[in-house]
Structures are given as C-alpha cells and as structure tokens.
C-alpha cells in the first residue's frame, strides 16, 4: 500500500483551494453555493463512472500508487477525491479567467487600437 497518488491529490487540491480563497474565486466567494456546485459535479461524475464501470468501459487497473481501498467494484478511494479536485480546479480556472478578462476589459487592455 502506498499513499503517493492520494497525497499528490490532497496537496494539489489544497494548493488550488488556497488560490481560490486568496482571490475569492469560487469557495472564497460563496461557500454554500460552491459546495452545492461541487456536490452536483461529484454526483454527476460518480454516476458517469458507475455507468462506465457497469458497461465495462472503466476499470481500475494495476497501480502501485493506489491504496487499494475500493469503495465499489473498480472504484478506488482516490477517485472521488480526484473528481472533487477536477471540479474545483475547473471552477477556479473558469472564474479566474473570467475575472482576468473583466479586469483587462475595464483597464482598456485587449481592445484593438484604431
């Protein structure tokens, strides 16, 4: 049993959350709304995984980096953590890009010179 992948996920997730809260992008902007979005995203992707597993499209595979703890057949413990990370990093990227573009627009950058 090794904690490599789980540790990498948790460290990466923590770094993204720190950026999120520092710049008040997603969790830092409205915690209840963000938690709802994360919950819906997690539920969607777990359902997607369940469908893929049921159709024998997804399989765990052999990896020395997984703990080996299975939540369901072919669903390792690390999968829901990865899915939460995926949802969080997507929201931070989308909202961060939106803020950057709005800032550039407000300062006059990005407009074509005439």
Protein backbone atom coordinates (compact mmCIF):
# COMPACT_ATOMS: atom_id res chain seq x y z
CA UNK A 1 0.00 0.00 0.00
CA UNK A 2 1.29 3.44 -0.90
CA UNK A 3 -0.08 6.90 -0.33
CA UNK A 4 1.63 8.54 -3.32
CA UNK A 5 -1.35 9.30 -5.53
CA UNK A 6 -3.64 10.21 -2.63
CA UNK A 7 -1.00 12.53 -1.19
CA UNK A 8 -0.45 14.19 -4.57
CA UNK A 9 -4.20 14.71 -4.96
CA UNK A 10 -4.59 16.20 -1.49
CA UNK A 11 -1.59 18.54 -1.87
CA UNK A 12 -2.77 19.67 -5.32
CA UNK A 13 -6.33 20.14 -4.06
CA UNK A 14 -5.03 22.17 -1.11
CA UNK A 15 -2.99 24.43 -3.38
CA UNK A 16 -5.94 25.09 -5.69
CA UNK A 17 -8.20 25.83 -2.69
CA UNK A 18 -5.57 28.24 -1.32
CA UNK A 19 -5.51 30.15 -4.63
CA UNK A 20 -9.31 30.05 -4.74
CA UNK A 21 -9.71 31.51 -1.26
CA UNK A 22 -6.90 34.05 -1.69
CA UNK A 23 -8.54 35.52 -4.79
CA UNK A 24 -12.15 34.80 -3.72
CA UNK A 25 -12.95 32.97 -6.93
CA UNK A 26 -15.26 30.07 -6.03
CA UNK A 27 -15.19 28.67 -2.48
CA UNK A 28 -13.89 32.04 -1.33
CA UNK A 29 -16.77 33.90 -2.95
CA UNK A 30 -19.83 31.97 -1.80
CA UNK A 31 -19.15 28.83 0.21
CA UNK A 32 -22.71 27.43 0.26
CA UNK A 33 -23.17 27.85 -3.50
CA UNK A 34 -19.72 26.47 -4.23
CA UNK A 35 -20.30 23.40 -2.05
CA UNK A 36 -23.58 22.77 -3.86
CA UNK A 37 -21.85 23.00 -7.25
CA UNK A 38 -19.06 20.68 -6.06
CA UNK A 39 -21.65 18.21 -4.75
CA UNK A 40 -23.59 18.21 -8.02
CA UNK A 41 -20.37 17.85 -10.02
CA UNK A 42 -19.18 14.98 -7.84
CA UNK A 43 -22.56 13.22 -8.12
CA UNK A 44 -22.55 13.64 -11.90
CA UNK A 45 -19.04 12.26 -12.34
CA UNK A 46 -19.63 9.38 -9.92
CA UNK A 47 -22.74 8.47 -11.92
CA UNK A 48 -20.63 8.72 -15.09
CA UNK A 49 -18.03 6.42 -13.52
CA UNK A 50 -20.72 3.98 -12.38
CA UNK A 51 -22.12 3.83 -15.91
CA UNK A 52 -18.65 3.30 -17.37
CA UNK A 53 -17.86 0.61 -14.81
CA UNK A 54 -21.23 -1.08 -15.42
CA UNK A 55 -20.56 -1.14 -19.16
CA UNK A 56 -17.03 -2.46 -18.57
CA UNK A 57 -15.53 0.66 -20.14
CA UNK A 58 -13.73 1.79 -16.97
CA UNK A 59 -11.51 -0.46 -14.90
CA UNK A 60 -9.21 0.30 -12.01
CA UNK A 61 -6.10 -1.26 -13.46
CA UNK A 62 -2.98 -2.11 -11.52
CA UNK A 63 -1.05 0.74 -9.98
CA UNK A 64 1.43 0.69 -7.13
CA UNK A 65 0.40 4.27 -6.29
CA UNK A 66 -3.15 3.45 -5.15
CA UNK A 67 -4.01 2.48 -1.59
CA UNK A 68 -6.02 -0.50 -2.76
CA UNK A 69 -9.13 0.55 -0.82
CA UNK A 70 -12.17 0.08 -3.04
CA UNK A 71 -15.42 1.99 -2.45
CA UNK A 72 -17.19 -0.18 -5.01
CA UNK A 73 -16.05 -2.63 -7.67
CA UNK A 74 -13.46 -0.83 -9.85
CA UNK A 75 -13.88 2.41 -7.82
CA UNK A 76 -10.80 3.19 -5.71
CA UNK A 77 -10.86 5.57 -2.74
CA UNK A 78 -8.83 8.11 -4.71
CA UNK A 79 -11.46 8.50 -7.47
CA UNK A 80 -13.97 10.75 -5.62
CA UNK A 81 -11.09 12.90 -4.36
CA UNK A 82 -9.81 13.26 -7.91
CA UNK A 83 -13.33 14.15 -9.10
CA UNK A 84 -13.66 16.85 -6.42
CA UNK A 85 -10.25 18.19 -7.44
CA UNK A 86 -11.35 18.18 -11.09
CA UNK A 87 -14.49 20.18 -10.30
CA UNK A 88 -12.62 22.65 -8.06
CA UNK A 89 -9.78 23.29 -10.50
CA UNK A 90 -12.26 23.73 -13.35
CA UNK A 91 -14.25 26.33 -11.43
CA UNK A 92 -11.08 28.18 -10.37
CA UNK A 93 -9.83 28.25 -13.97
CA UNK A 94 -13.17 29.41 -15.37
CA UNK A 95 -13.81 32.09 -12.73
CA UNK A 96 -10.16 33.17 -12.69
CA UNK A 97 -10.18 33.58 -16.47
CA UNK A 98 -13.46 35.48 -16.27
CA UNK A 99 -12.01 37.86 -13.67
CA UNK A 100 -8.83 38.35 -15.69
CA UNK A 101 -10.78 39.16 -18.86
CA UNK A 102 -13.07 41.57 -16.98
CA UNK A 103 -10.06 43.29 -15.45
CA UNK A 104 -8.38 43.65 -18.83
CA UNK A 105 -11.60 44.96 -20.35
CA UNK A 106 -12.05 47.51 -17.52
CA UNK A 107 -8.49 48.80 -17.84
CA UNK A 108 -8.78 49.21 -21.62
CA UNK A 109 -6.33 46.42 -22.47
CA UNK A 110 -7.32 43.96 -25.10
CA UNK A 111 -9.17 46.50 -27.23
CA UNK A 112 -7.98 46.91 -30.78
CA UNK A 113 -6.29 50.24 -31.46
CA UNK A 114 -7.96 52.36 -34.06
